Amino acid sequence: MNLRGDQKKGSRPSLLLHVCCAPCATHVIELLKEQFAVTAFFYNPNIYPFKERLHRAREANDLCQKLGVEIITDVEKSHDWSRRMKGRRRDREGGSYCTVCFRIRLAQAAAVAEQGKFDYFASTLSVSPHKEVQIINRVGNKVARGLRTRFYSADFKKQNGFKKSCQLSQKYGLYRQDYCGCVYSLRERDERKARASNPCKTGARDEK
């Protein structure tokens, strides 16, 4: 992406970084700090239960403190996410269900970036190998239409981005969750654990 002229003048452009969780933010923050004045933004109304959301928010706050990055945290708003997700069936990771979830979070990031007069906004979502970067970037650019702030399109999993985030998570002693965050992914995790603990439920027939 071509950056705006303020970087050419010697000052770094400002960027609001939507943070989905602390582990994903590690490598992305280090990478973006080379070009931008970064402020983190934790807004993930999809995370369930609420105590899990608070836990991940605290981890994000602690990480940003260690990295010397300011963070804006919004953990209370979830009614809009619940309303828009009601009646939807989660088909697969990266499917239409997830696209709506991306849109809710990125639209809020765009609104906060616009209000705060940030030059750009971005998201840590694409560092995950389970997230479709094309969908994330398309949604980000769409919600930025008509705004002064611009979406910084990137694929943060490139050049071993995910591996680096795992290594940095260990370095900082971060909590690494084992499900995406929403109630549906939590159920899928529990189902996987149940199948692993009881292989007889896989549907295999007894040998005669």
Foldseek 3Di string as FASTA:
>chain_A
DDDDPVVVVPDAAAEEEEELFQLLVPLVVVVCVVRHQYAYEYDQLQAPDLVVSVQRQVLNVVNCVVVVHHYHYDSPDNVVVCVVLPPDDDDAQQDPSVLVSLLVRLLVSLVVCQVVVGQEYEYSVLLDPSYDLVSNQVSNQVSCPPGNHGYDRDRCVPPVNNVVSVVVCVVVVGDDDDFSGHPVRVVVVVVVVVCVVPVVVPPDDDDD
